[in-house]
């Protein structure tokens, strides 16, 4: 077996239903208390950042978008994805056997967790075994499909699989869930209890003040290059306008990410003297709505009409100021299968939408403006989580667009935990908003792996015109290493998904940063654009 690092090139992005539980609420931050905590009057180098959720769920098991600005402070994985390549972190090297059934990680030596526990093969195995038995990891074959895991020596682990798979190593790139925590904090089989926060990252969890802030201090025993800042203060500011105001007054130094900034917020911020902004070089995710073939949406004609009636350009230009390009596929730009866009062109066409509904027997009730068929109004429920500053506006715009063709949309905005619970109910929703194409190293395999994992309860897949062929392709790609056959399988899966309107991709979601130039000179979007990496900040001189 020749030992060579396996770099899988431009990896593929997807969605994963891992750890979508919300943090607790609270009051807006108190600037006096937070400034005292930040050490503003000392010689410490302090960076103040904003969070839209309280940092009460910082375990990787429950990491949510609200806390992405703090994720990389505490935790690291075995590998990471950077500019189209998989690179080492806590694993210095790795090797996939010639037959694709054994994955070996060679671990970095001299690393300790924040609580003093050593990072070694035993610790890595404890983490991976905890993921392996957690149902939330069902869409990651690299984690859940191994049949044996062993310590070859103190700093080498080996996973054995029954079948090959082209993306085993990709599954270990997730920066929010596939990261290492101290084995002291792991209770095998307990997926609910968070026992504390201790990773191997450049900062250590220090102090939490409910409703105000959390502080992180520099890890003086960090194995890598020491970070610039002595302390990071994450200030809880849930209101959009208040975050921008805090940036203007200097209470915070930056706001990061599409979850924390609407495009209106971005434009307002960069108009302030001394504030600059920057976008990631490309979108690593796709903003998307998912259709459940439930009730009225079991009718393909309704789904097709809905797809024609959504004006994506209006969403791009009207809600994102043109910053988010229109998306025609669920796969982010630049990934190997991003050219697969379905065989049906669902370009905005109100006349075509009306024609389809007329031919399907959905007649317009002129008194209500809502179509009906056999006495049933054409009504659908659109559920959306409240953790993204743009989703609510998109739902409202789609509601008005679909009303033009006689489709009544009821919007239900929910806290993340409530929304997630409704999503997991087979008939608990009609349309929902979700970011597809989560990260370039995971698409489209994790998107379709998640479908496979949920298939026994899935309302939609059995109603596809080619459901047997679709289900067969879902199974086959997870045991395939042949590039030609993989493309055939993903063409079938993506074309079916888009043509029969399982999903309606809207725009390529962009991540961004705005910052005070008296503290920050620049930021480098090096990898995992959705996550702030403070090591990529260039401090102002």
Protein backbone atom coordinates (compact mmCIF):
# COMPACT_ATOMS: atom_id res chain seq x y z
CA UNK A 1 0.00 0.00 0.00
CA UNK A 2 1.59 3.25 -1.10
CA UNK A 3 1.18 6.08 1.39
CA UNK A 4 0.01 9.17 -0.48
CA UNK A 5 -2.10 12.04 0.70
CA UNK A 6 -5.58 11.83 -0.75
CA UNK A 7 -6.59 15.26 -2.03
CA UNK A 8 -9.96 14.97 -3.71
CA UNK A 9 -9.87 18.31 -5.52
CA UNK A 10 -12.93 20.46 -5.74
CA UNK A 11 -15.21 18.69 -3.32
CA UNK A 12 -18.91 18.72 -3.41
CA UNK A 13 -21.38 20.47 -1.06
CA UNK A 14 -24.70 19.46 0.57
CA UNK A 15 -27.11 19.91 3.33
CA UNK A 16 -27.00 18.00 6.53
CA UNK A 17 -29.60 17.94 9.26
CA UNK A 18 -26.93 17.82 12.00
CA UNK A 19 -27.25 19.80 15.20
CA UNK A 20 -29.99 22.24 14.15
CA UNK A 21 -30.98 23.16 17.70
CA UNK A 22 -31.30 26.78 18.69
CA UNK A 23 -29.51 28.71 21.41
CA UNK A 24 -31.36 30.41 24.23
CA UNK A 25 -32.74 33.91 23.95
CA UNK A 26 -31.78 36.94 25.96
CA UNK A 27 -31.63 40.69 26.13
CA UNK A 28 -29.49 42.95 23.94
CA UNK A 29 -25.96 43.33 25.20
CA UNK A 30 -25.09 45.90 27.81
CA UNK A 31 -22.23 47.90 26.38
CA UNK A 32 -20.92 48.98 29.80
CA UNK A 33 -20.70 45.42 31.13
CA UNK A 34 -19.35 44.03 27.88
CA UNK A 35 -16.69 46.72 27.61
CA UNK A 36 -15.53 45.91 31.12
CA UNK A 37 -15.31 42.23 30.15
CA UNK A 38 -13.42 43.00 26.97
CA UNK A 39 -10.57 44.62 28.83
CA UNK A 40 -10.94 47.84 26.85
CA UNK A 41 -8.84 49.73 29.43
CA UNK A 42 -5.97 47.21 29.50
CA UNK A 43 -3.10 46.47 27.15
CA UNK A 44 -4.75 43.26 26.00
CA UNK A 45 -5.37 42.87 22.29
CA UNK A 46 -9.13 42.31 22.25
CA UNK A 47 -11.42 41.61 19.31
CA UNK A 48 -15.15 42.23 19.81
CA UNK A 49 -17.47 40.32 17.49
CA UNK A 50 -21.26 40.03 17.24
CA UNK A 51 -23.41 36.93 17.54
CA UNK A 52 -27.13 36.72 16.81
CA UNK A 53 -27.62 33.78 19.17
CA UNK A 54 -26.35 33.31 22.68
CA UNK A 55 -23.34 31.01 22.84
CA UNK A 56 -25.09 28.39 24.94
CA UNK A 57 -24.82 25.54 22.41
CA UNK A 58 -21.14 25.57 21.53
CA UNK A 59 -20.72 21.81 21.51
CA UNK A 60 -20.11 20.62 17.92
CA UNK A 61 -23.08 18.32 18.42
CA UNK A 62 -25.41 21.32 18.56
CA UNK A 63 -23.49 23.94 16.60
CA UNK A 64 -25.85 26.23 14.69
CA UNK A 65 -25.47 29.08 12.21
CA UNK A 66 -25.93 31.62 15.01
CA UNK A 67 -22.59 30.58 16.50
CA UNK A 68 -20.47 30.18 13.36
CA UNK A 69 -18.37 33.24 14.22
CA UNK A 70 -17.11 31.34 17.30
CA UNK A 71 -16.85 27.77 15.99
CA UNK A 72 -13.23 27.88 14.80
CA UNK A 73 -12.05 29.49 18.02
CA UNK A 74 -12.56 26.27 19.98
CA UNK A 75 -12.58 23.29 17.66
CA UNK A 76 -10.59 21.62 14.90
CA UNK A 77 -11.12 18.55 12.76
CA UNK A 78 -8.77 15.99 11.32
CA UNK A 79 -8.80 17.69 7.92
CA UNK A 80 -10.20 20.86 6.33
CA UNK A 81 -11.18 22.10 2.90
CA UNK A 82 -9.21 25.04 1.50
CA UNK A 83 -9.54 26.48 -2.00
CA UNK A 84 -10.56 23.23 -3.66
CA UNK A 85 -8.25 20.91 -1.73
CA UNK A 86 -8.49 18.89 1.45
CA UNK A 87 -5.64 19.82 3.79
CA UNK A 88 -4.30 18.47 7.09
CA UNK A 89 -5.22 19.81 10.52
CA UNK A 90 -5.14 17.34 13.43
CA UNK A 91 -4.29 14.61 10.95
CA UNK A 92 -0.92 15.34 9.39
CA UNK A 93 -1.53 12.84 6.59
CA UNK A 94 -3.99 10.19 5.45
CA UNK A 95 -4.15 7.26 3.10
CA UNK A 96 -6.95 5.47 1.28
CA UNK A 97 -6.22 1.89 0.31
CA UNK A 98 -6.11 0.88 -3.35
CA UNK A 99 -9.47 -0.86 -3.10
CA UNK A 100 -11.01 2.16 -1.35
CA UNK A 101 -12.10 0.27 1.77
CA UNK A 102 -9.53 1.39 4.37
CA UNK A 103 -8.95 4.99 5.44
CA UNK A 104 -5.92 5.62 7.65
CA UNK A 105 -5.24 8.88 9.50
CA UNK A 106 -1.75 9.76 10.78
CA UNK A 107 -2.39 12.09 13.71
CA UNK A 108 -0.47 15.17 14.75
CA UNK A 109 1.62 14.65 17.88
CA UNK A 110 2.05 17.06 20.79
CA UNK A 111 -1.55 18.34 20.77
CA UNK A 112 -3.61 18.70 23.95
CA UNK A 113 -7.23 19.60 24.53
CA UNK A 114 -8.10 22.73 26.50
CA UNK A 115 -8.69 20.63 29.63
CA UNK A 116 -5.22 19.08 29.40
CA UNK A 117 -6.28 15.72 27.93
CA UNK A 118 -3.92 14.46 25.21
CA UNK A 119 -5.03 14.26 21.61
CA UNK A 120 -4.09 10.81 20.33
CA UNK A 121 -5.60 7.76 18.66
CA UNK A 122 -7.71 6.93 21.70
CA UNK A 123 -9.24 10.44 21.77
CA UNK A 124 -9.87 10.49 18.02
CA UNK A 125 -11.58 7.10 18.13
CA UNK A 126 -13.78 8.17 21.05
CA UNK A 127 -15.00 11.14 18.99
CA UNK A 128 -15.59 9.17 15.79
CA UNK A 129 -17.38 6.38 17.66
CA UNK A 130 -19.73 8.95 19.19
CA UNK A 131 -20.56 10.28 15.71
CA UNK A 132 -20.93 6.75 14.35
CA UNK A 133 -23.89 5.89 16.58
CA UNK A 134 -25.57 9.30 16.35
CA UNK A 135 -28.54 9.25 13.91
CA UNK A 136 -27.85 12.89 13.00
CA UNK A 137 -24.74 11.78 11.06
CA UNK A 138 -26.71 9.47 8.77
CA UNK A 139 -25.72 11.35 5.60
CA UNK A 140 -21.97 10.89 6.17
CA UNK A 141 -20.93 7.41 4.99
CA UNK A 142 -17.35 8.04 6.08
CA UNK A 143 -18.61 8.33 9.65
CA UNK A 144 -21.49 5.86 9.83
CA UNK A 145 -20.54 3.09 7.38
CA UNK A 146 -17.26 1.86 8.78
CA UNK A 147 -17.30 -1.71 10.08
CA UNK A 148 -14.17 -1.41 12.19
CA UNK A 149 -12.08 1.35 13.72
CA UNK A 150 -8.76 0.66 15.38
CA UNK A 151 -5.67 2.30 16.79
CA UNK A 152 -2.71 1.10 14.73
CA UNK A 153 -0.45 2.87 17.20
CA UNK A 154 -0.70 5.85 19.56
CA UNK A 155 -1.01 8.33 16.69
CA UNK A 156 -2.51 6.29 13.85
CA UNK A 157 -6.13 5.21 13.37
CA UNK A 158 -7.67 3.08 10.64
CA UNK A 159 -11.29 2.81 9.52
CA UNK A 160 -12.44 -0.19 7.48
CA UNK A 161 -15.49 -0.20 5.19
CA UNK A 162 -17.32 -2.97 3.34
CA UNK A 163 -17.47 -0.99 0.10
CA UNK A 164 -15.47 1.82 -1.54
CA UNK A 165 -16.85 5.35 -1.73
CA UNK A 166 -15.40 8.33 -3.56
CA UNK A 167 -15.89 10.82 -0.70
CA UNK A 168 -14.97 9.09 2.56
CA UNK A 169 -12.30 11.70 3.35
CA UNK A 170 -14.67 14.56 2.42
CA UNK A 171 -17.03 13.54 5.20
CA UNK A 172 -14.42 14.48 7.80
CA UNK A 173 -14.17 18.09 6.55
CA UNK A 174 -17.30 19.45 8.26
CA UNK A 175 -16.01 22.31 10.47
CA UNK A 176 -19.09 22.48 12.67
CA UNK A 177 -19.75 18.85 13.60
CA UNK A 178 -16.78 16.62 12.66
CA UNK A 179 -14.42 18.29 15.09
CA UNK A 180 -12.59 16.87 18.07
CA UNK A 181 -13.59 17.48 21.70
CA UNK A 182 -11.96 16.22 24.87
CA UNK A 183 -12.87 12.56 25.48
CA UNK A 184 -13.78 13.59 29.04
CA UNK A 185 -16.80 15.43 27.60
CA UNK A 186 -18.12 12.45 25.63
CA UNK A 187 -20.86 10.23 27.01
CA UNK A 188 -21.25 7.50 24.41
CA UNK A 189 -24.85 7.10 23.31
CA UNK A 190 -25.97 10.38 24.93
CA UNK A 191 -26.79 12.82 22.15
CA UNK A 192 -28.45 15.41 24.36
CA UNK A 193 -26.05 16.29 27.16
CA UNK A 194 -23.33 18.90 26.68
CA UNK A 195 -20.71 18.39 29.40
CA UNK A 196 -18.55 21.40 28.58
CA UNK A 197 -16.47 23.00 25.84
CA UNK A 198 -12.90 21.81 25.32
CA UNK A 199 -11.40 21.44 21.86
CA UNK A 200 -7.88 21.85 20.52
CA UNK A 201 -8.38 25.25 18.86
CA UNK A 202 -6.48 28.53 19.29
CA UNK A 203 -8.89 29.90 21.93
CA UNK A 204 -10.33 28.58 25.20
CA UNK A 205 -13.89 29.12 26.42
CA UNK A 206 -13.61 31.55 29.34
CA UNK A 207 -16.76 33.32 30.61
CA UNK A 208 -20.43 33.44 29.69
CA UNK A 209 -22.78 36.19 30.90
CA UNK A 210 -26.37 35.43 29.95
CA UNK A 211 -27.90 37.94 27.56
CA UNK A 212 -24.64 39.83 27.12
CA UNK A 213 -21.43 38.16 26.00
CA UNK A 214 -19.05 35.21 26.01
CA UNK A 215 -15.29 35.58 26.24
CA UNK A 216 -12.59 33.36 24.80
CA UNK A 217 -8.93 33.62 25.77
CA UNK A 218 -5.88 32.68 23.77
CA UNK A 219 -4.73 29.07 24.13
CA UNK A 220 -1.13 29.50 25.23
CA UNK A 221 -0.51 25.78 24.64
CA UNK A 222 -1.84 25.81 21.08
CA UNK A 223 0.06 23.46 18.80
CA UNK A 224 -0.03 25.86 15.85
CA UNK A 225 0.93 29.48 15.34
CA UNK A 226 -0.24 31.67 18.22
CA UNK A 227 -3.12 33.95 17.20
CA UNK A 228 -2.76 37.73 17.36
CA UNK A 229 -5.59 38.55 19.74
CA UNK A 230 -5.35 37.82 23.48
CA UNK A 231 -9.11 37.72 23.91
CA UNK A 232 -12.24 37.42 21.76
CA UNK A 233 -15.48 38.83 23.13
CA UNK A 234 -18.61 37.53 21.39
CA UNK A 235 -21.40 40.01 22.15
CA UNK A 236 -24.99 38.87 21.88
CA UNK A 237 -26.82 41.39 19.69
CA UNK A 238 -29.87 39.72 18.11
CA UNK A 239 -31.26 42.80 16.34
CA UNK A 240 -29.90 43.67 12.89
CA UNK A 241 -30.01 47.45 13.31
CA UNK A 242 -28.41 47.24 16.75
CA UNK A 243 -25.50 45.22 15.36
CA UNK A 244 -24.76 47.85 12.71
CA UNK A 245 -25.07 50.60 15.32
CA UNK A 246 -22.67 48.74 17.63
CA UNK A 247 -20.19 48.53 14.75
CA UNK A 248 -20.50 52.26 14.14
CA UNK A 249 -19.93 53.16 17.79
CA UNK A 250 -16.97 50.81 18.13
CA UNK A 251 -18.68 48.47 20.60
CA UNK A 252 -17.89 45.65 18.18
CA UNK A 253 -15.14 45.40 15.59
CA UNK A 254 -16.80 43.22 12.97
CA UNK A 255 -19.97 41.47 11.85
CA UNK A 256 -19.54 38.23 9.92
CA UNK A 257 -21.64 35.98 7.75
CA UNK A 258 -24.87 35.90 5.75
CA UNK A 259 -26.81 34.79 8.84
CA UNK A 260 -25.87 38.01 10.66
CA UNK A 261 -25.95 40.47 7.77
CA UNK A 262 -28.69 41.18 5.29
CA UNK A 263 -27.52 42.88 2.12
CA UNK A 264 -29.28 46.05 3.24
CA UNK A 265 -27.29 45.86 6.49
CA UNK A 266 -24.11 45.38 4.47
CA UNK A 267 -24.77 48.46 2.33
CA UNK A 268 -25.66 50.54 5.39
CA UNK A 269 -22.51 49.43 7.18
CA UNK A 270 -20.05 50.19 4.37
CA UNK A 271 -21.61 53.66 3.99
CA UNK A 272 -20.37 54.48 7.50
CA UNK A 273 -17.06 56.31 7.69
CA UNK A 274 -14.32 53.95 8.86
CA UNK A 275 -16.23 50.76 7.99
CA UNK A 276 -15.25 48.51 5.11
CA UNK A 277 -16.78 45.31 3.78
CA UNK A 278 -15.79 42.32 1.74
CA UNK A 279 -17.47 39.31 0.11
CA UNK A 280 -16.19 35.75 -0.16
CA UNK A 281 -14.81 35.11 -3.66
CA UNK A 282 -17.72 32.79 -4.46
CA UNK A 283 -20.83 31.31 -2.93
CA UNK A 284 -20.22 28.02 -1.16
CA UNK A 285 -23.92 27.42 -0.58
CA UNK A 286 -27.15 27.66 -2.56
CA UNK A 287 -30.24 29.33 -1.18
CA UNK A 288 -33.06 26.91 -1.85
CA UNK A 289 -36.66 26.01 -1.10
CA UNK A 290 -37.73 22.39 -0.63
CA UNK A 291 -41.14 21.09 -1.65
CA UNK A 292 -42.84 18.27 0.22
CA UNK A 293 -45.20 16.28 -2.02
CA UNK A 294 -47.82 16.70 0.64
CA UNK A 295 -51.46 17.65 0.01
CA UNK A 296 -51.76 19.97 -3.00
CA UNK A 297 -48.07 19.57 -3.82
CA UNK A 298 -48.58 15.89 -4.64
CA UNK A 299 -49.76 17.24 -8.00
CA UNK A 300 -46.73 17.64 -10.31
CA UNK A 301 -48.59 20.36 -12.21
CA UNK A 302 -48.79 22.49 -9.08
CA UNK A 303 -45.09 22.05 -8.40
CA UNK A 304 -44.17 22.93 -11.97
CA UNK A 305 -46.41 25.98 -11.98
CA UNK A 306 -44.88 27.09 -8.70
CA UNK A 307 -41.38 26.79 -10.20
CA UNK A 308 -42.38 28.92 -13.20
CA UNK A 309 -44.07 31.53 -10.99
CA UNK A 310 -41.02 32.29 -8.84
CA UNK A 311 -39.03 35.24 -10.16
CA UNK A 312 -35.46 34.51 -9.07
CA UNK A 313 -34.14 37.72 -10.63
CA UNK A 314 -36.51 39.70 -8.41
CA UNK A 315 -35.11 37.87 -5.38
CA UNK A 316 -31.53 38.49 -6.50
CA UNK A 317 -31.96 42.14 -7.44
CA UNK A 318 -34.69 43.16 -5.04
CA UNK A 319 -33.57 41.43 -1.85
CA UNK A 320 -29.82 40.96 -2.29
CA UNK A 321 -29.02 44.04 -4.39
CA UNK A 322 -27.70 41.69 -7.05
CA UNK A 323 -25.00 40.37 -4.72
CA UNK A 324 -26.44 36.82 -4.89
CA UNK A 325 -26.40 35.45 -8.47
CA UNK A 326 -29.41 33.43 -9.60
CA UNK A 327 -28.98 29.67 -9.10
CA UNK A 328 -30.27 27.10 -11.57
CA UNK A 329 -28.99 24.06 -9.70
CA UNK A 330 -28.61 22.91 -6.11
CA UNK A 331 -24.83 22.52 -6.56
CA UNK A 332 -22.58 25.52 -5.78
CA UNK A 333 -20.52 27.05 -8.58
CA UNK A 334 -17.11 25.56 -9.18
CA UNK A 335 -17.91 22.03 -8.02
CA UNK A 336 -17.70 19.10 -10.45
CA UNK A 337 -21.46 18.76 -10.99
CA UNK A 338 -22.50 22.42 -10.95
CA UNK A 339 -23.23 22.30 -14.69
CA UNK A 340 -26.17 19.91 -14.16
CA UNK A 341 -29.24 22.15 -14.14
CA UNK A 342 -32.13 19.85 -15.02
CA UNK A 343 -33.67 19.25 -18.43
CA UNK A 344 -36.67 21.57 -17.93
CA UNK A 345 -36.04 25.31 -18.08
CA UNK A 346 -38.10 26.85 -15.27
CA UNK A 347 -37.28 30.43 -16.22
CA UNK A 348 -39.83 32.85 -14.74
CA UNK A 349 -42.98 32.62 -16.86
CA UNK A 350 -46.34 33.57 -15.33
CA UNK A 351 -48.26 32.70 -18.50
CA UNK A 352 -46.80 29.20 -18.52
CA UNK A 353 -47.63 28.75 -14.81
CA UNK A 354 -51.24 29.78 -15.39
CA UNK A 355 -51.52 27.50 -18.44
CA UNK A 356 -50.28 24.47 -16.48
CA UNK A 357 -52.72 25.08 -13.63
CA UNK A 358 -55.63 25.64 -16.04
CA UNK A 359 -54.88 22.39 -17.88
CA UNK A 360 -54.62 20.51 -14.57
CA UNK A 361 -58.11 21.63 -13.57
CA UNK A 362 -57.15 24.25 -10.99
CA UNK A 363 -59.72 26.95 -11.74
CA UNK A 364 -59.37 30.51 -10.50
CA UNK A 365 -61.98 31.64 -7.97
CA UNK A 366 -62.38 35.23 -9.08
CA UNK A 367 -63.86 36.32 -5.74
CA UNK A 368 -60.92 35.08 -3.66
CA UNK A 369 -58.09 35.14 -6.19
CA UNK A 370 -57.21 31.57 -5.14
CA UNK A 371 -57.44 28.61 -7.48
CA UNK A 372 -59.59 25.62 -6.55
CA UNK A 373 -60.00 22.03 -7.67
CA UNK A 374 -62.83 19.76 -6.53
CA UNK A 375 -63.66 22.34 -3.86
CA UNK A 376 -60.10 22.39 -2.47
CA UNK A 377 -58.30 25.76 -2.46
CA UNK A 378 -54.74 25.83 -3.74
CA UNK A 379 -53.20 26.61 -0.35
CA UNK A 380 -49.69 25.75 0.83
CA UNK A 381 -47.80 26.42 4.05
CA UNK A 382 -44.29 27.88 3.84
CA UNK A 383 -42.28 27.25 7.03
CA UNK A 384 -39.03 29.08 7.55
CA UNK A 385 -36.49 29.39 10.39
CA UNK A 386 -35.80 32.79 11.86
CA UNK A 387 -31.99 32.46 12.08
CA UNK A 388 -31.25 33.99 8.67
CA UNK A 389 -31.78 37.69 8.15
CA UNK A 390 -32.90 37.24 4.51
CA UNK A 391 -35.17 34.15 4.59
CA UNK A 392 -38.24 35.96 5.90
CA UNK A 393 -38.03 38.55 3.13
CA UNK A 394 -37.68 35.81 0.51
CA UNK A 395 -40.74 34.00 1.87
CA UNK A 396 -42.81 37.19 1.72
CA UNK A 397 -41.72 37.92 -1.86
CA UNK A 398 -42.47 34.34 -2.98
CA UNK A 399 -45.86 34.61 -1.28
CA UNK A 400 -46.71 37.63 -3.45
CA UNK A 401 -45.31 36.03 -6.61
CA UNK A 402 -47.35 32.83 -6.19
CA UNK A 403 -50.49 34.86 -5.42
CA UNK A 404 -50.27 36.18 -9.00
CA UNK A 405 -51.06 32.69 -10.31
CA UNK A 406 -53.67 31.86 -7.68
CA UNK A 407 -51.52 29.91 -5.21
CA UNK A 408 -52.17 30.99 -1.63
CA UNK A 409 -49.10 30.82 0.60
CA UNK A 410 -49.32 30.87 4.39
CA UNK A 411 -46.00 31.77 6.02
CA UNK A 412 -45.06 30.23 9.36
CA UNK A 413 -41.85 31.65 10.84
CA UNK A 414 -40.41 29.49 13.60
CA UNK A 415 -37.51 29.39 16.00
CA UNK A 416 -34.91 26.92 14.76
CA UNK A 417 -35.84 24.09 17.14
CA UNK A 418 -39.55 24.32 16.25
CA UNK A 419 -38.78 24.57 12.54
CA UNK A 420 -36.46 21.57 12.66
CA UNK A 421 -39.08 19.50 14.49
CA UNK A 422 -41.67 20.35 11.84
CA UNK A 423 -39.23 19.52 9.04
CA UNK A 424 -38.59 16.06 10.48
CA UNK A 425 -42.32 15.31 10.47
CA UNK A 426 -43.17 13.60 7.13
CA UNK A 427 -46.37 15.60 6.65
CA UNK A 428 -45.57 18.53 8.90
CA UNK A 429 -44.86 21.04 6.15
CA UNK A 430 -45.46 21.88 2.46
CA UNK A 431 -42.64 24.24 1.50
CA UNK A 432 -39.62 25.12 3.58
CA UNK A 433 -36.56 27.29 3.18
CA UNK A 434 -33.19 25.64 3.56
CA UNK A 435 -29.69 26.23 2.31
CA UNK A 436 -28.81 23.41 -0.07
CA UNK A 437 -25.32 22.76 -1.29
CA UNK A 438 -23.84 23.14 2.18
CA UNK A 439 -20.12 23.51 1.50
CA UNK A 440 -18.20 22.58 -1.60
CA UNK A 441 -16.61 19.42 -0.22
CA UNK A 442 -19.97 17.81 0.51
CA UNK A 443 -22.15 18.37 -2.56
CA UNK A 444 -24.06 16.68 -3.99
CA UNK A 445 -23.30 13.45 -2.13
CA UNK A 446 -24.42 14.56 1.34
CA UNK A 447 -27.62 16.11 -0.04
CA UNK A 448 -28.65 12.82 -1.58
CA UNK A 449 -27.29 10.74 1.30
CA UNK A 450 -29.65 12.67 3.57
CA UNK A 451 -32.54 11.78 1.24
CA UNK A 452 -31.57 8.12 1.46
CA UNK A 453 -31.41 8.26 5.25
CA UNK A 454 -34.88 9.85 5.47
CA UNK A 455 -36.47 7.76 2.73
CA UNK A 456 -38.61 5.43 4.90
CA UNK A 457 -40.52 8.48 6.17
CA UNK A 458 -40.18 10.60 3.03
CA UNK A 459 -43.49 11.65 1.48
CA UNK A 460 -42.00 12.85 -1.79
CA UNK A 461 -39.64 10.21 -3.22
CA UNK A 462 -42.29 7.46 -3.70
CA UNK A 463 -44.34 9.95 -5.77
CA UNK A 464 -41.59 10.65 -8.29
CA UNK A 465 -42.35 9.44 -11.80
CA UNK A 466 -39.11 7.41 -11.78
CA UNK A 467 -38.98 6.63 -8.07
CA UNK A 468 -37.49 3.14 -8.46
CA UNK A 469 -34.67 4.40 -10.67
CA UNK A 470 -34.10 7.37 -8.33
CA UNK A 471 -33.89 5.12 -5.26
CA UNK A 472 -31.52 2.75 -7.05
CA UNK A 473 -29.22 5.67 -7.93
CA UNK A 474 -29.32 6.87 -4.31
CA UNK A 475 -27.94 3.50 -3.25
CA UNK A 476 -25.41 3.03 -6.04
CA UNK A 477 -23.48 6.30 -5.82
CA UNK A 478 -22.52 5.49 -2.22
CA UNK A 479 -20.50 2.48 -3.41
CA UNK A 480 -19.05 4.02 -6.56
CA UNK A 481 -15.54 5.22 -7.35
CA UNK A 482 -15.81 5.45 -11.15
CA UNK A 483 -15.93 9.08 -12.37
CA UNK A 484 -17.97 8.31 -15.50
CA UNK A 485 -20.59 6.32 -13.64
CA UNK A 486 -20.75 8.90 -10.85
CA UNK A 487 -21.60 11.60 -13.35
CA UNK A 488 -24.36 9.43 -14.84
CA UNK A 489 -25.80 8.84 -11.37
CA UNK A 490 -25.67 12.48 -10.34
CA UNK A 491 -27.20 13.57 -13.64
CA UNK A 492 -30.13 11.27 -12.96
CA UNK A 493 -30.48 12.42 -9.35
CA UNK A 494 -30.08 16.16 -9.96
CA UNK A 495 -32.22 16.18 -13.12
CA UNK A 496 -35.01 14.30 -11.35
CA UNK A 497 -34.75 16.56 -8.29
CA UNK A 498 -35.04 19.74 -10.37
CA UNK A 499 -37.37 18.57 -13.14
CA UNK A 500 -39.96 17.16 -10.73
CA UNK A 501 -39.42 20.08 -8.34
CA UNK A 502 -38.21 18.46 -5.18
CA UNK A 503 -36.16 21.63 -4.87
CA UNK A 504 -36.25 25.14 -6.30
CA UNK A 505 -32.75 26.66 -6.13
CA UNK A 506 -32.97 30.44 -5.85
CA UNK A 507 -29.59 32.15 -5.54
CA UNK A 508 -25.96 31.48 -4.70
CA UNK A 509 -25.66 32.65 -1.11
CA UNK A 510 -22.63 34.82 -0.37
CA UNK A 511 -20.81 35.22 2.92
CA UNK A 512 -19.46 38.60 3.89
CA UNK A 513 -17.74 40.64 6.55
CA UNK A 514 -17.93 44.29 7.61
CA UNK A 515 -15.31 45.69 9.98
CA UNK A 516 -13.86 48.78 11.64
CA UNK A 517 -10.73 49.84 9.81
CA UNK A 518 -9.16 51.26 12.97
CA UNK A 519 -8.92 47.67 14.26
CA UNK A 520 -8.84 45.53 11.12
CA UNK A 521 -6.96 46.11 7.85
CA UNK A 522 -8.22 43.09 5.87
CA UNK A 523 -9.78 39.63 6.02
CA UNK A 524 -8.80 36.63 3.91
CA UNK A 525 -11.62 34.23 2.97
CA UNK A 526 -9.35 31.19 2.93
CA UNK A 527 -11.78 28.31 3.46
CA UNK A 528 -15.19 27.33 4.83
CA UNK A 529 -16.59 30.74 3.95
CA UNK A 530 -19.58 30.39 6.30
CA UNK A 531 -17.26 30.35 9.35
CA UNK A 532 -15.23 33.23 10.73
CA UNK A 533 -11.52 32.41 11.06
CA UNK A 534 -9.87 35.06 13.22
CA UNK A 535 -6.44 33.82 12.18
CA UNK A 536 -7.21 35.24 8.73
CA UNK A 537 -7.69 38.79 10.04
CA UNK A 538 -4.97 41.32 9.28
CA UNK A 539 -4.93 43.74 12.25
CA UNK A 540 -4.67 47.45 11.56
CA UNK A 541 -1.26 48.89 12.44
